[in-house]
């Protein structure tokens, strides 16, 4: 259902930390229901992006095991903020468990932060 929602381009890499430029498709069907008159990027799409980019970095299919922190700090209206950067950092990987720190922002505005564990 979220296919085609994001256009993702890798910008920089610093070890296990990668920064992506992400464009949101404001015409995507998800915004018809969330919400028709005032579209907002769903929180589940932000969590999905964290998992998707972790899979991209590791080359492994992963499942969210735990999220010790999820913060939705500002709304993402695709008409106003159709682009943002997403920083995905693999903090550590132990026994097939991957610890990730993610942050979604545009300039000084932070939209979303996550500390997640995948396996």
Protein backbone atom coordinates (compact mmCIF):
# COMPACT_ATOMS: atom_id res chain seq x y z
CA UNK A 1 0.00 0.00 0.00
CA UNK A 2 2.90 2.40 0.61
CA UNK A 3 4.62 1.58 -2.68
CA UNK A 4 5.22 4.74 -4.68
CA UNK A 5 4.85 7.01 -1.64
CA UNK A 6 8.55 7.89 -1.43
CA UNK A 7 11.31 8.71 -3.88
CA UNK A 8 14.56 8.07 -2.00
CA UNK A 9 18.05 9.21 -2.99
CA UNK A 10 21.14 8.49 -0.89
CA UNK A 11 23.06 11.68 -0.16
CA UNK A 12 25.96 10.89 2.16
CA UNK A 13 27.48 7.99 4.03
CA UNK A 14 29.61 8.16 7.15
CA UNK A 15 30.34 4.62 8.33
CA UNK A 16 27.01 3.13 9.41
CA UNK A 17 25.22 6.49 9.16
CA UNK A 18 23.47 7.31 5.90
CA UNK A 19 21.58 10.44 4.97
CA UNK A 20 18.84 10.24 2.34
CA UNK A 21 16.92 12.90 0.47
CA UNK A 22 13.29 11.79 0.45
CA UNK A 23 10.48 13.18 -1.67
CA UNK A 24 6.88 12.41 -0.79
CA UNK A 25 4.40 11.82 -3.59
CA UNK A 26 1.54 14.19 -2.65
CA UNK A 27 -0.75 12.43 -5.16
CA UNK A 28 -0.34 9.05 -3.45
CA UNK A 29 -3.60 7.31 -2.53
CA UNK A 30 -2.72 7.24 1.19
CA UNK A 31 -3.55 10.96 1.39
CA UNK A 32 -7.11 10.40 0.17
CA UNK A 33 -7.90 8.85 3.53
CA UNK A 34 -5.30 10.62 5.69
CA UNK A 35 -6.81 13.26 5.26
CA UNK A 36 -8.66 14.41 2.13
CA UNK A 37 -8.82 18.13 2.91
CA UNK A 38 -5.59 18.33 4.93
CA UNK A 39 -3.14 15.58 3.94
CA UNK A 40 -0.74 14.37 6.62
CA UNK A 41 1.96 11.72 6.23
CA UNK A 42 0.82 8.83 8.46
CA UNK A 43 3.02 7.82 11.38
CA UNK A 44 2.99 4.24 10.12
CA UNK A 45 4.63 5.49 6.90
CA UNK A 46 7.44 7.07 8.92
CA UNK A 47 8.02 3.84 10.85
CA UNK A 48 7.89 1.93 7.55
CA UNK A 49 10.57 4.25 6.13
CA UNK A 50 12.87 3.41 9.06
CA UNK A 51 12.47 -0.33 8.42
CA UNK A 52 12.80 0.04 4.65
CA UNK A 53 16.05 2.02 4.91
CA UNK A 54 17.44 -0.43 7.47
CA UNK A 55 16.79 -3.23 5.00
CA UNK A 56 18.44 -1.20 2.27
CA UNK A 57 21.58 -0.61 4.37
CA UNK A 58 21.91 -4.16 5.70
CA UNK A 59 20.72 -6.05 2.63
CA UNK A 60 18.53 -8.14 4.96
CA UNK A 61 14.77 -8.42 5.40
CA UNK A 62 14.01 -7.21 8.93
CA UNK A 63 11.07 -7.00 11.30
CA UNK A 64 10.52 -4.37 13.93
CA UNK A 65 11.21 -6.05 17.26
CA UNK A 66 11.06 -3.04 19.58
CA UNK A 67 10.90 0.74 19.44
CA UNK A 68 12.22 2.16 22.68
CA UNK A 69 11.49 5.65 21.39
CA UNK A 70 9.17 6.96 18.70
CA UNK A 71 8.54 10.68 18.56
CA UNK A 72 6.22 12.39 16.10
CA UNK A 73 7.26 16.00 16.56
CA UNK A 74 5.69 17.85 13.62
CA UNK A 75 3.11 17.05 10.96
CA UNK A 76 4.31 16.37 7.43
CA UNK A 77 1.90 18.00 5.01
CA UNK A 78 3.08 16.93 1.53
CA UNK A 79 1.81 20.17 0.05
CA UNK A 80 4.09 22.19 2.36
CA UNK A 81 6.98 19.79 3.05
CA UNK A 82 7.18 17.37 0.13
CA UNK A 83 10.91 16.82 0.76
CA UNK A 84 12.99 16.05 3.83
CA UNK A 85 16.18 14.34 4.86
CA UNK A 86 16.16 11.03 6.66
CA UNK A 87 19.21 10.00 8.66
CA UNK A 88 19.44 6.27 9.34
CA UNK A 89 22.23 5.05 11.62
CA UNK A 90 22.98 1.44 12.49
CA UNK A 91 24.12 1.92 16.08
CA UNK A 92 25.15 -1.72 16.51
CA UNK A 93 24.41 -5.21 15.30
CA UNK A 94 24.64 -8.13 17.74
CA UNK A 95 23.44 -11.71 17.21
CA UNK A 96 21.27 -10.77 14.20
CA UNK A 97 19.66 -7.92 16.15
CA UNK A 98 20.09 -4.49 14.58
CA UNK A 99 19.86 -1.32 16.68
CA UNK A 100 18.89 1.75 14.66
CA UNK A 101 18.58 5.47 15.26
CA UNK A 102 16.54 7.42 12.73
CA UNK A 103 15.58 11.05 12.27
CA UNK A 104 13.44 12.80 9.70
CA UNK A 105 13.86 16.56 9.26
CA UNK A 106 13.74 19.55 6.94
CA UNK A 107 16.23 22.30 7.78
CA UNK A 108 15.66 23.07 11.45
CA UNK A 109 12.30 21.28 11.71
CA UNK A 110 12.35 17.71 13.03
CA UNK A 111 9.33 15.60 12.11
CA UNK A 112 10.13 12.17 13.51
CA UNK A 113 12.71 10.31 15.64
CA UNK A 114 13.01 6.61 16.32
CA UNK A 115 15.24 4.27 18.30
CA UNK A 116 14.38 0.84 17.02
CA UNK A 117 15.50 -2.75 17.23
CA UNK A 118 15.08 -5.03 14.21
CA UNK A 119 15.67 -8.73 13.74
